[in-house]
PDB file of N, CA and C in Angstrom:
ATOM      1  N   MET A   1    -129.261-224.538 155.109  1.00  0.00           N
ATOM      2  CA  MET A   1    -129.934-223.530 155.921  1.00  0.00           C
ATOM      3  C   MET A   1    -129.868-222.154 155.264  1.00  0.00           C
ATOM      4  N   THR A   2    -128.828-221.909 154.488  1.00  0.00           N
ATOM      5  CA  THR A   2    -128.725-220.588 153.862  1.00  0.00           C
ATOM      6  C   THR A   2    -129.825-220.372 152.831  1.00  0.00           C
ATOM      7  N   MET A   3    -130.258-221.450 152.163  1.00  0.00           N
ATOM      8  CA  MET A   3    -131.369-221.302 151.218  1.00  0.00           C
ATOM      9  C   MET A   3    -132.630-220.864 151.955  1.00  0.00           C
ATOM     10  N   PHE A   4    -132.834-221.410 153.150  1.00  0.00           N
ATOM     11  CA  PHE A   4    -133.990-221.009 153.950  1.00  0.00           C
ATOM     12  C   PHE A   4    -134.008-219.496 154.135  1.00  0.00           C
ATOM     13  N   TRP A   5    -132.855-218.918 154.525  1.00  0.00           N
ATOM     14  CA  TRP A   5    -132.782-217.482 154.764  1.00  0.00           C
ATOM     15  C   TRP A   5    -133.032-216.693 153.488  1.00  0.00           C
ATOM     16  N   GLY A   6    -132.540-217.189 152.379  1.00  0.00           N
ATOM     17  CA  GLY A   6    -132.774-216.512 151.111  1.00  0.00           C
ATOM     18  C   GLY A   6    -134.253-216.443 150.777  1.00  0.00           C
ATOM     19  N   TYR A   7    -134.934-217.581 150.901  1.00  0.00           N
ATOM     20  CA  TYR A   7    -136.363-217.610 150.607  1.00  0.00           C
ATOM     21  C   TYR A   7    -137.164-216.842 151.663  1.00  0.00           C
ATOM     22  N   PHE A   8    -136.754-216.932 152.917  1.00  0.00           N
ATOM     23  CA  PHE A   8    -137.432-216.195 153.983  1.00  0.00           C
ATOM     24  C   PHE A   8    -137.346-214.686 153.739  1.00  0.00           C
ATOM     25  N   LEU A   9    -136.133-214.196 153.449  1.00  0.00           N
ATOM     26  CA  LEU A   9    -135.964-212.760 153.194  1.00  0.00           C
ATOM     27  C   LEU A   9    -136.723-212.319 151.945  1.00  0.00           C
ATOM     28  N   CYS A  10    -136.746-213.176 150.948  1.00  0.00           N
ATOM     29  CA  CYS A  10    -137.505-212.881 149.733  1.00  0.00           C
ATOM     30  C   CYS A  10    -138.997-212.792 150.057  1.00  0.00           C
ATOM     31  N   ALA A  11    -139.488-213.709 150.873  1.00  0.00           N
ATOM     32  CA  ALA A  11    -140.897-213.676 151.270  1.00  0.00           C
ATOM     33  C   ALA A  11    -141.204-212.407 152.065  1.00  0.00           C
ATOM     34  N   MET A  12    -140.289-212.011 152.945  1.00  0.00           N
ATOM     35  CA  MET A  12    -140.494-210.788 153.725  1.00  0.00           C
ATOM     36  C   MET A  12    -140.509-209.554 152.815  1.00  0.00           C
ATOM     37  N   ALA A  13    -139.600-209.518 151.852  1.00  0.00           N
ATOM     38  CA  ALA A  13    -139.570-208.407 150.897  1.00  0.00           C
ATOM     39  C   ALA A  13    -140.892-208.350 150.132  1.00  0.00           C
ATOM     40  N   THR A  14    -141.387-209.506 149.765  1.00  0.00           N
ATOM     41  CA  THR A  14    -142.648-209.569 149.042  1.00  0.00           C
ATOM     42  C   THR A  14    -143.806-209.076 149.916  1.00  0.00           C
ATOM     43  N   CYS A  15    -143.807-209.453 151.185  1.00  0.00           N
ATOM     44  CA  CYS A  15    -144.865-208.979 152.095  1.00  0.00           C
ATOM     45  C   CYS A  15    -144.847-207.458 152.219  1.00  0.00           C
ATOM     46  N   VAL A  16    -143.658-206.884 152.289  1.00  0.00           N
ATOM     47  CA  VAL A  16    -143.547-205.429 152.382  1.00  0.00           C
ATOM     48  C   VAL A  16    -144.054-204.781 151.088  1.00  0.00           C
ATOM     49  N   ILE A  17    -143.723-205.379 149.954  1.00  0.00           N
ATOM     50  CA  ILE A  17    -144.208-204.865 148.669  1.00  0.00           C
ATOM     51  C   ILE A  17    -145.731-204.961 148.601  1.00  0.00           C
ATOM     52  N   ILE A  18    -146.270-206.073 149.085  1.00  0.00           N
ATOM     53  CA  ILE A  18    -147.721-206.264 149.066  1.00  0.00           C
ATOM     54  C   ILE A  18    -148.403-205.210 149.942  1.00  0.00           C
ATOM     55  N   ALA A  19    -147.796-204.890 151.073  1.00  0.00           N
ATOM     56  CA  ALA A  19    -148.342-203.818 151.913  1.00  0.00           C
ATOM     57  C   ALA A  19    -148.351-202.509 151.126  1.00  0.00           C
ATOM     58  N   GLY A  20    -147.281-202.266 150.366  1.00  0.00           N
ATOM     59  CA  GLY A  20    -147.239-201.082 149.509  1.00  0.00           C
ATOM     60  C   GLY A  20    -148.342-201.106 148.464  1.00  0.00           C
ATOM     61  N   ASP A  21    -148.564-202.269 147.859  1.00  0.00           N
ATOM     62  CA  ASP A  21    -149.642-202.414 146.872  1.00  0.00           C
ATOM     63  C   ASP A  21    -150.998-202.133 147.504  1.00  0.00           C
ATOM     64  N   TYR A  22    -151.181-202.586 148.727  1.00  0.00           N
ATOM     65  CA  TYR A  22    -152.440-202.360 149.444  1.00  0.00           C
ATOM     66  C   TYR A  22    -152.709-200.859 149.589  1.00  0.00           C
ATOM     67  N   TYR A  23    -151.692-200.115 149.996  1.00  0.00           N
ATOM     68  CA  TYR A  23    -151.875-198.675 150.158  1.00  0.00           C
ATOM     69  C   TYR A  23    -152.067-197.971 148.817  1.00  0.00           C
ATOM     70  N   PHE A  24    -151.416-198.461 147.762  1.00  0.00           N
ATOM     71  CA  PHE A  24    -151.663-197.908 146.435  1.00  0.00           C
ATOM     72  C   PHE A  24    -153.127-198.126 146.029  1.00  0.00           C
ATOM     73  N   LYS A  25    -153.620-199.338 146.261  1.00  0.00           N
ATOM     74  CA  LYS A  25    -155.003-199.667 145.895  1.00  0.00           C
ATOM     75  C   LYS A  25    -155.984-198.795 146.683  1.00  0.00           C
ATOM     76  N   LEU A  26    -155.733-198.606 147.985  1.00  0.00           N
ATOM     77  CA  LEU A  26    -156.599-197.735 148.787  1.00  0.00           C
ATOM     78  C   LEU A  26    -156.583-196.305 148.247  1.00  0.00           C
ATOM     79  N   ALA A  27    -155.394-195.820 147.896  1.00  0.00           N
ATOM     80  CA  ALA A  27    -155.273-194.462 147.368  1.00  0.00           C
ATOM     81  C   ALA A  27    -156.044-194.318 146.060  1.00  0.00           C
ATOM     82  N   ILE A  28    -155.926-195.303 145.202  1.00  0.00           N
ATOM     83  CA  ILE A  28    -156.624-195.266 143.915  1.00  0.00           C
ATOM     84  C   ILE A  28    -158.134-195.305 144.121  1.00  0.00           C
ATOM     85  N   GLU A  29    -158.592-196.190 145.006  1.00  0.00           N
ATOM     86  CA  GLU A  29    -160.037-196.294 145.242  1.00  0.00           C
ATOM     87  C   GLU A  29    -160.605-195.026 145.878  1.00  0.00           C
ATOM     88  N   ASP A  30    -159.781-194.293 146.623  1.00  0.00           N
ATOM     89  CA  ASP A  30    -160.215-193.035 147.233  1.00  0.00           C
ATOM     90  C   ASP A  30    -160.053-191.849 146.283  1.00  0.00           C
ATOM     91  N   GLY A  31    -159.514-192.098 145.092  1.00  0.00           N
ATOM     92  CA  GLY A  31    -159.321-191.023 144.119  1.00  0.00           C
ATOM     93  C   GLY A  31    -158.154-190.110 144.467  1.00  0.00           C
ATOM     94  N   ASP A  32    -157.217-190.618 145.281  1.00  0.00           N
ATOM     95  CA  ASP A  32    -156.062-189.814 145.694  1.00  0.00           C
ATOM     96  C   ASP A  32    -155.043-189.692 144.562  1.00  0.00           C
ATOM     97  N   THR A  33    -154.129-188.752 144.719  1.00  0.00           N
ATOM     98  CA  THR A  33    -153.030-188.580 143.769  1.00  0.00           C
ATOM     99  C   THR A  33    -151.806-189.354 144.275  1.00  0.00           C
ATOM    100  N   LEU A  34    -150.774-189.378 143.465  1.00  0.00           N
ATOM    101  CA  LEU A  34    -149.542-190.057 143.850  1.00  0.00           C
ATOM    102  C   LEU A  34    -148.863-189.385 145.042  1.00  0.00           C
ATOM    103  N   LEU A  35    -149.217-188.149 145.323  1.00  0.00           N
ATOM    104  CA  LEU A  35    -148.615-187.422 146.443  1.00  0.00           C
ATOM    105  C   LEU A  35    -149.449-187.492 147.720  1.00  0.00           C
ATOM    106  N   SER A  36    -150.482-188.334 147.723  1.00  0.00           N
ATOM    107  CA  SER A  36    -151.286-188.500 148.932  1.00  0.00           C
ATOM    108  C   SER A  36    -150.505-189.319 149.966  1.00  0.00           C
ATOM    109  N   GLY A  37    -150.954-189.267 151.196  1.00  0.00           N
ATOM    110  CA  GLY A  37    -150.292-190.012 152.270  1.00  0.00           C
ATOM    111  C   GLY A  37    -150.255-191.505 152.016  1.00  0.00           C
ATOM    112  N   LYS A  38    -151.374-192.065 151.543  1.00  0.00           N
ATOM    113  CA  LYS A  38    -151.432-193.506 151.279  1.00  0.00           C
ATOM    114  C   LYS A  38    -150.476-193.901 150.156  1.00  0.00           C
ATOM    115  N   ALA A  39    -150.458-193.116 149.105  1.00  0.00           N
ATOM    116  CA  ALA A  39    -149.577-193.435 147.979  1.00  0.00           C
ATOM    117  C   ALA A  39    -148.107-193.289 148.382  1.00  0.00           C
ATOM    118  N   LEU A  40    -147.786-192.253 149.148  1.00  0.00           N
ATOM    119  CA  LEU A  40    -146.403-192.077 149.594  1.00  0.00           C
ATOM    120  C   LEU A  40    -145.972-193.183 150.549  1.00  0.00           C
ATOM    121  N   LEU A  41    -146.907-193.662 151.381  1.00  0.00           N
ATOM    122  CA  LEU A  41    -146.592-194.802 152.236  1.00  0.00           C
ATOM    123  C   LEU A  41    -146.295-196.030 151.377  1.00  0.00           C
ATOM    124  N   GLY A  42    -147.066-196.218 150.313  1.00  0.00           N
ATOM    125  CA  GLY A  42    -146.798-197.319 149.383  1.00  0.00           C
ATOM    126  C   GLY A  42    -145.415-197.218 148.767  1.00  0.00           C
ATOM    127  N   VAL A  43    -145.028-196.022 148.370  1.00  0.00           N
ATOM    128  CA  VAL A  43    -143.688-195.805 147.798  1.00  0.00           C
ATOM    129  C   VAL A  43    -142.609-196.119 148.833  1.00  0.00           C
ATOM    130  N   ALA A  44    -142.807-195.670 150.081  1.00  0.00           N
ATOM    131  CA  ALA A  44    -141.834-195.922 151.145  1.00  0.00           C
ATOM    132  C   ALA A  44    -141.695-197.416 151.419  1.00  0.00           C
ATOM    133  N   LEU A  45    -142.805-198.136 151.388  1.00  0.00           N
ATOM    134  CA  LEU A  45    -142.739-199.584 151.598  1.00  0.00           C
ATOM    135  C   LEU A  45    -141.995-200.275 150.461  1.00  0.00           C
ATOM    136  N   TYR A  46    -142.212-199.821 149.238  1.00  0.00           N
ATOM    137  CA  TYR A  46    -141.469-200.362 148.105  1.00  0.00           C
ATOM    138  C   TYR A  46    -139.964-200.158 148.311  1.00  0.00           C
ATOM    139  N   ALA A  47    -139.597-198.968 148.760  1.00  0.00           N
ATOM    140  CA  ALA A  47    -138.180-198.673 148.982  1.00  0.00           C
ATOM    141  C   ALA A  47    -137.612-199.559 150.087  1.00  0.00           C
ATOM    142  N   ALA A  48    -138.374-199.760 151.149  1.00  0.00           N
ATOM    143  CA  ALA A  48    -137.906-200.590 152.264  1.00  0.00           C
ATOM    144  C   ALA A  48    -137.701-202.038 151.826  1.00  0.00           C
ATOM    145  N   SER A  49    -138.519-202.502 150.914  1.00  0.00           N
ATOM    146  CA  SER A  49    -138.394-203.888 150.461  1.00  0.00           C
ATOM    147  C   SER A  49    -137.089-204.133 149.705  1.00  0.00           C
ATOM    148  N   ALA A  50    -136.515-203.082 149.156  1.00  0.00           N
ATOM    149  CA  ALA A  50    -135.267-203.242 148.394  1.00  0.00           C
ATOM    150  C   ALA A  50    -134.145-203.800 149.262  1.00  0.00           C
ATOM    151  N   ALA A  51    -134.081-203.399 150.523  1.00  0.00           N
ATOM    152  CA  ALA A  51    -133.039-203.911 151.428  1.00  0.00           C
ATOM    153  C   ALA A  51    -133.220-205.406 151.675  1.00  0.00           C
ATOM    154  N   LEU A  52    -134.457-205.843 151.844  1.00  0.00           N
ATOM    155  CA  LEU A  52    -134.714-207.272 152.041  1.00  0.00           C
ATOM    156  C   LEU A  52    -134.415-208.066 150.774  1.00  0.00           C
ATOM    157  N   TRP A  53    -134.752-207.500 149.640  1.00  0.00           N
ATOM    158  CA  TRP A  53    -134.464-208.131 148.343  1.00  0.00           C
ATOM    159  C   TRP A  53    -132.954-208.316 148.184  1.00  0.00           C
ATOM    160  N   PHE A  54    -132.210-207.263 148.501  1.00  0.00           N
ATOM    161  CA  PHE A  54    -130.749-207.303 148.428  1.00  0.00           C
ATOM    162  C   PHE A  54    -130.207-208.401 149.339  1.00  0.00           C
ATOM    163  N   ALA A  55    -130.702-208.454 150.559  1.00  0.00           N
ATOM    164  CA  ALA A  55    -130.218-209.453 151.521  1.00  0.00           C
ATOM    165  C   ALA A  55    -130.534-210.871 151.059  1.00  0.00           C
ATOM    166  N   SER A  56    -131.681-211.072 150.446  1.00  0.00           N
ATOM    167  CA  SER A  56    -132.043-212.418 150.002  1.00  0.00           C
ATOM    168  C   SER A  56    -131.093-212.933 148.924  1.00  0.00           C
ATOM    169  N   MET A  57    -130.571-212.010 148.107  1.00  0.00           N
ATOM    170  CA  MET A  57    -129.655-212.425 147.042  1.00  0.00           C
ATOM    171  C   MET A  57    -128.292-212.845 147.571  1.00  0.00           C
ATOM    172  N   ARG A  58    -128.037-212.632 148.833  1.00  0.00           N
ATOM    173  CA  ARG A  58    -126.790-213.133 149.440  1.00  0.00           C
ATOM    174  C   ARG A  58    -126.853-214.642 149.649  1.00  0.00           C
ATOM    175  N   PHE A  59    -128.063-215.202 149.672  1.00  0.00           N
ATOM    176  CA  PHE A  59    -128.233-216.613 150.008  1.00  0.00           C
ATOM    177  C   PHE A  59    -128.718-217.484 148.849  1.00  0.00           C
ATOM    178  N   ILE A  60    -129.438-216.895 147.906  1.00  0.00           N
ATOM    179  CA  ILE A  60    -129.934-217.665 146.761  1.00  0.00           C
ATOM    180  C   ILE A  60    -129.651-216.886 145.478  1.00  0.00           C
ATOM    181  N   THR A  61    -129.705-217.598 144.366  1.00  0.00           N
ATOM    182  CA  THR A  61    -129.367-216.969 143.087  1.00  0.00           C
ATOM    183  C   THR A  61    -130.446-215.973 142.659  1.00  0.00           C
ATOM    184  N   LEU A  62    -130.078-215.123 141.734  1.00  0.00           N
ATOM    185  CA  LEU A  62    -131.017-214.139 141.202  1.00  0.00           C
ATOM    186  C   LEU A  62    -132.214-214.830 140.559  1.00  0.00           C
ATOM    187  N   ALA A  63    -131.971-215.918 139.862  1.00  0.00           N
ATOM    188  CA  ALA A  63    -133.073-216.660 139.244  1.00  0.00           C
ATOM    189  C   ALA A  63    -134.021-217.207 140.305  1.00  0.00           C
ATOM    190  N   GLN A  64    -133.469-217.744 141.387  1.00  0.00           N
ATOM    191  CA  GLN A  64    -134.308-218.264 142.466  1.00  0.00           C
ATOM    192  C   GLN A  64    -135.104-217.146 143.134  1.00  0.00           C
ATOM    193  N   VAL A  65    -134.456-216.009 143.352  1.00  0.00           N
ATOM    194  CA  VAL A  65    -135.149-214.860 143.948  1.00  0.00           C
ATOM    195  C   VAL A  65    -136.293-214.418 143.038  1.00  0.00           C
ATOM    196  N   GLY A  66    -136.020-214.353 141.752  1.00  0.00           N
ATOM    197  CA  GLY A  66    -137.043-213.906 140.809  1.00  0.00           C
ATOM    198  C   GLY A  66    -138.257-214.810 140.788  1.00  0.00           C
ATOM    199  N   VAL A  67    -138.033-216.112 140.733  1.00  0.00           N
ATOM    200  CA  VAL A  67    -139.149-217.058 140.702  1.00  0.00           C
ATOM    201  C   VAL A  67    -139.891-217.043 142.033  1.00  0.00           C
ATOM    202  N   ALA A  68    -139.146-217.054 143.137  1.00  0.00           N
ATOM    203  CA  ALA A  68    -139.786-217.057 144.454  1.00  0.00           C
ATOM    204  C   ALA A  68    -140.590-215.777 144.675  1.00  0.00           C
ATOM    205  N   ALA A  69    -140.028-214.646 144.323  1.00  0.00           N
ATOM    206  CA  ALA A  69    -140.748-213.380 144.495  1.00  0.00           C
ATOM    207  C   ALA A  69    -142.016-213.364 143.655  1.00  0.00           C
ATOM    208  N   SER A  70    -141.941-213.925 142.468  1.00  0.00           N
ATOM    209  CA  SER A  70    -143.128-213.967 141.607  1.00  0.00           C
ATOM    210  C   SER A  70    -144.248-214.780 142.239  1.00  0.00           C
ATOM    211  N   ILE A  71    -143.935-215.954 142.758  1.00  0.00           N
ATOM    212  CA  ILE A  71    -144.992-216.786 143.349  1.00  0.00           C
ATOM    213  C   ILE A  71    -145.483-216.193 144.651  1.00  0.00           C
ATOM    214  N   PHE A  72    -144.576-215.661 145.481  1.00  0.00           N
ATOM    215  CA  PHE A  72    -145.011-215.028 146.728  1.00  0.00           C
ATOM    216  C   PHE A  72    -145.938-213.853 146.418  1.00  0.00           C
ATOM    217  N   THR A  73    -145.588-213.068 145.408  1.00  0.00           N
ATOM    218  CA  THR A  73    -146.409-211.921 145.012  1.00  0.00           C
ATOM    219  C   THR A  73    -147.759-212.394 144.485  1.00  0.00           C
ATOM    220  N   LEU A  74    -147.740-213.388 143.638  1.00  0.00           N
ATOM    221  CA  LEU A  74    -148.973-213.923 143.070  1.00  0.00           C
ATOM    222  C   LEU A  74    -149.915-214.411 144.162  1.00  0.00           C
ATOM    223  N   LEU A  75    -149.388-215.178 145.097  1.00  0.00           N
ATOM    224  CA  LEU A  75    -150.219-215.703 146.188  1.00  0.00           C
ATOM    225  C   LEU A  75    -150.753-214.589 147.086  1.00  0.00           C
ATOM    226  N   ALA A  76    -149.872-213.675 147.458  1.00  0.00           N
ATOM    227  CA  ALA A  76    -150.279-212.606 148.375  1.00  0.00           C
ATOM    228  C   ALA A  76    -151.281-211.656 147.731  1.00  0.00           C
ATOM    229  N   LEU A  77    -151.049-211.276 146.476  1.00  0.00           N
ATOM    230  CA  LEU A  77    -151.983-210.361 145.806  1.00  0.00           C
ATOM    231  C   LEU A  77    -153.329-211.019 145.541  1.00  0.00           C
ATOM    232  N   THR A  78    -153.311-212.300 145.225  1.00  0.00           N
ATOM    233  CA  THR A  78    -154.571-213.017 145.031  1.00  0.00           C
ATOM    234  C   THR A  78    -155.367-213.036 146.333  1.00  0.00           C
ATOM    235  N   ALA A  79    -154.699-213.354 147.428  1.00  0.00           N
ATOM    236  CA  ALA A  79    -155.369-213.376 148.730  1.00  0.00           C
ATOM    237  C   ALA A  79    -155.852-211.978 149.126  1.00  0.00           C
ATOM    238  N   LEU A  80    -155.013-210.985 148.936  1.00  0.00           N
ATOM    239  CA  LEU A  80    -155.369-209.605 149.278  1.00  0.00           C
ATOM    240  C   LEU A  80    -156.586-209.138 148.488  1.00  0.00           C
ATOM    241  N   GLY A  81    -156.567-209.376 147.191  1.00  0.00           N
ATOM    242  CA  GLY A  81    -157.690-208.974 146.349  1.00  0.00           C
ATOM    243  C   GLY A  81    -158.977-209.683 146.726  1.00  0.00           C
ATOM    244  N   HIS A  82    -158.859-210.961 147.042  1.00  0.00           N
ATOM    245  CA  HIS A  82    -160.043-211.748 147.387  1.00  0.00           C
ATOM    246  C   HIS A  82    -160.612-211.339 148.750  1.00  0.00           C
ATOM    247  N   VAL A  83    -159.751-211.197 149.745  1.00  0.00           N
ATOM    248  CA  VAL A  83    -160.200-210.931 151.111  1.00  0.00           C
ATOM    249  C   VAL A  83    -160.631-209.474 151.310  1.00  0.00           C
ATOM    250  N   PHE A  84    -159.825-208.530 150.837  1.00  0.00           N
ATOM    251  CA  PHE A  84    -160.089-207.129 151.135  1.00  0.00           C
ATOM    252  C   PHE A  84    -160.876-206.393 150.062  1.00  0.00           C
ATOM    253  N   PHE A  85    -160.805-206.866 148.814  1.00  0.00           N
ATOM    254  CA  PHE A  85    -161.463-206.149 147.727  1.00  0.00           C
ATOM    255  C   PHE A  85    -162.518-206.998 147.013  1.00  0.00           C
ATOM    256  N   GLN A  86    -162.862-208.152 147.604  1.00  0.00           N
ATOM    257  CA  GLN A  86    -163.899-209.055 147.106  1.00  0.00           C
ATOM    258  C   GLN A  86    -163.717-209.427 145.635  1.00  0.00           C
ATOM    259  N   GLU A  87    -162.472-209.564 145.195  1.00  0.00           N
ATOM    260  CA  GLU A  87    -162.204-210.010 143.829  1.00  0.00           C
ATOM    261  C   GLU A  87    -162.362-211.528 143.771  1.00  0.00           C
ATOM    262  N   LYS A  88    -162.929-212.015 142.689  1.00  0.00           N
ATOM    263  CA  LYS A  88    -163.167-213.450 142.530  1.00  0.00           C
ATOM    264  C   LYS A  88    -161.895-214.165 142.070  1.00  0.00           C
ATOM    265  N   ILE A  89    -161.755-215.412 142.490  1.00  0.00           N
ATOM    266  CA  ILE A  89    -160.636-216.255 142.055  1.00  0.00           C
ATOM    267  C   ILE A  89    -161.194-217.216 141.008  1.00  0.00           C
ATOM    268  N   ALA A  90    -160.723-217.052 139.772  1.00  0.00           N
ATOM    269  CA  ALA A  90    -161.207-217.870 138.658  1.00  0.00           C
ATOM    270  C   ALA A  90    -160.423-219.179 138.573  1.00  0.00           C
ATOM    271  N   HIS A  91    -160.952-220.116 137.806  1.00  0.00           N
ATOM    272  CA  HIS A  91    -160.282-221.407 137.607  1.00  0.00           C
ATOM    273  C   HIS A  91    -158.888-221.205 136.996  1.00  0.00           C
ATOM    274  N   ARG A  92    -158.776-220.270 136.054  1.00  0.00           N
ATOM    275  CA  ARG A  92    -157.471-220.021 135.440  1.00  0.00           C
ATOM    276  C   ARG A  92    -156.478-219.495 136.459  1.00  0.00           C
ATOM    277  N   ASP A  93    -156.960-218.769 137.477  1.00  0.00           N
ATOM    278  CA  ASP A  93    -156.082-218.289 138.547  1.00  0.00           C
ATOM    279  C   ASP A  93    -155.505-219.468 139.332  1.00  0.00           C
ATOM    280  N   VAL A  94    -156.348-220.432 139.636  1.00  0.00           N
ATOM    281  CA  VAL A  94    -155.908-221.623 140.377  1.00  0.00           C
ATOM    282  C   VAL A  94    -154.884-222.401 139.550  1.00  0.00           C
ATOM    283  N   ILE A  95    -155.125-222.533 138.257  1.00  0.00           N
ATOM    284  CA  ILE A  95    -154.185-223.234 137.375  1.00  0.00           C
ATOM    285  C   ILE A  95    -152.856-222.478 137.332  1.00  0.00           C
ATOM    286  N   GLY A  96    -152.921-221.159 137.170  1.00  0.00           N
ATOM    287  CA  GLY A  96    -151.701-220.350 137.134  1.00  0.00           C
ATOM    288  C   GLY A  96    -150.905-220.443 138.419  1.00  0.00           C
ATOM    289  N   ILE A  97    -151.585-220.393 139.542  1.00  0.00           N
ATOM    290  CA  ILE A  97    -150.902-220.513 140.841  1.00  0.00           C
ATOM    291  C   ILE A  97    -150.253-221.885 140.976  1.00  0.00           C
ATOM    292  N   SER A  98    -150.942-222.921 140.557  1.00  0.00           N
ATOM    293  CA  SER A  98    -150.374-224.280 140.619  1.00  0.00           C
ATOM    294  C   SER A  98    -149.114-224.392 139.774  1.00  0.00           C
ATOM    295  N   LEU A  99    -149.148-223.838 138.578  1.00  0.00           N
ATOM    296  CA  LEU A  99    -147.971-223.867 137.716  1.00  0.00           C
ATOM    297  C   LEU A  99    -146.826-223.055 138.315  1.00  0.00           C
ATOM    298  N   ALA A 100    -147.148-221.923 138.932  1.00  0.00           N
ATOM    299  CA  ALA A 100    -146.118-221.092 139.567  1.00  0.00           C
ATOM    300  C   ALA A 100    -145.461-221.821 140.725  1.00  0.00           C
ATOM    301  N   ILE A 101    -146.245-222.525 141.519  1.00  0.00           N
ATOM    302  CA  ILE A 101    -145.673-223.307 142.624  1.00  0.00           C
ATOM    303  C   ILE A 101    -144.742-224.378 142.071  1.00  0.00           C
ATOM    304  N   GLY A 102    -145.136-224.986 140.969  1.00  0.00           N
ATOM    305  CA  GLY A 102    -144.261-225.966 140.320  1.00  0.00           C
ATOM    306  C   GLY A 102    -142.943-225.347 139.890  1.00  0.00           C
ATOM    307  N   ALA A 103    -142.982-224.124 139.383  1.00  0.00           N
ATOM    308  CA  ALA A 103    -141.753-223.428 138.974  1.00  0.00           C
ATOM    309  C   ALA A 103    -140.831-223.183 140.165  1.00  0.00           C
ATOM    310  N   VAL A 104    -141.418-222.811 141.305  1.00  0.00           N
ATOM    311  CA  VAL A 104    -140.602-222.601 142.507  1.00  0.00           C
ATOM    312  C   VAL A 104    -139.930-223.901 142.914  1.00  0.00           C
ATOM    313  N   LEU A 105    -140.670-224.993 142.865  1.00  0.00           N
ATOM    314  CA  LEU A 105    -140.091-226.285 143.250  1.00  0.00           C
ATOM    315  C   LEU A 105    -138.946-226.685 142.320  1.00  0.00           C
ATOM    316  N   VAL A 106    -139.099-226.411 141.041  1.00  0.00           N
ATOM    317  CA  VAL A 106    -138.030-226.713 140.086  1.00  0.00           C
ATOM    318  C   VAL A 106    -136.807-225.845 140.349  1.00  0.00           C
ATOM    319  N   MET A 107    -137.022-224.567 140.649  1.00  0.00           N
ATOM    320  CA  MET A 107    -135.911-223.621 140.848  1.00  0.00           C
ATOM    321  C   MET A 107    -135.245-223.750 142.216  1.00  0.00           C
ATOM    322  N   ALA A 108    -135.924-224.364 143.191  1.00  0.00           N
ATOM    323  CA  ALA A 108    -135.389-224.449 144.545  1.00  0.00           C
ATOM    324  C   ALA A 108    -134.351-225.562 144.651  1.00  0.00           C
ATOM    325  N   ARG A 109    -133.287-225.383 143.967  1.00  0.00           N
ATOM    326  CA  ARG A 109    -132.207-226.359 143.980  1.00  0.00           C
ATOM    327  C   ARG A 109    -131.068-225.859 144.857  1.00  0.00           C
ATOM    328  N   ALA A 110    -130.266-226.756 145.330  1.00  0.00           N
ATOM    329  CA  ALA A 110    -129.101-226.340 146.134  1.00  0.00           C
ATOM    330  C   ALA A 110    -128.093-225.655 145.231  1.00  0.00           C
ATOM    331  N   VAL A 111    -127.546-224.537 145.702  1.00  0.00           N
ATOM    332  CA  VAL A 111    -126.568-223.787 144.918  1.00  0.00           C
ATOM    333  C   VAL A 111    -125.181-224.270 145.178  1.00  0.00           C
TER     334      VAL A 111
END
C-alpha cells in the first residue's frame, strides 16, 4: 500500500506542475513577461509541487519517482497540448508514450 501512496503523491505533484506549465504557456501566448500574474502563478505552482514530490519519496525510491514523474508529465502535457492548444499527436508520440509506460512497469517493483 505504501507504493500506492508514493505513486499517488508523485502523480499529484505532476498535476500541480502541469497546471504551472499551463499558466506558463498562457503567459507566453499572451506575450507576458516572467513577472506577469500568469507566469508568477506558474512559479508558485512549481514551488507547491515540491512538497508533494518530497512526500512521494518517503514511499518509493528516487528512481521510481523519476520514472513515474516522467511518464505522468509526458501523458499530461500531451493531453494538455492536444486538448487546449490543438497540438497534433504524431505516431512517434504514441510510440514514445508506450515505451515510457513500459519503463514505469519495469520500475514499479516492491522496495
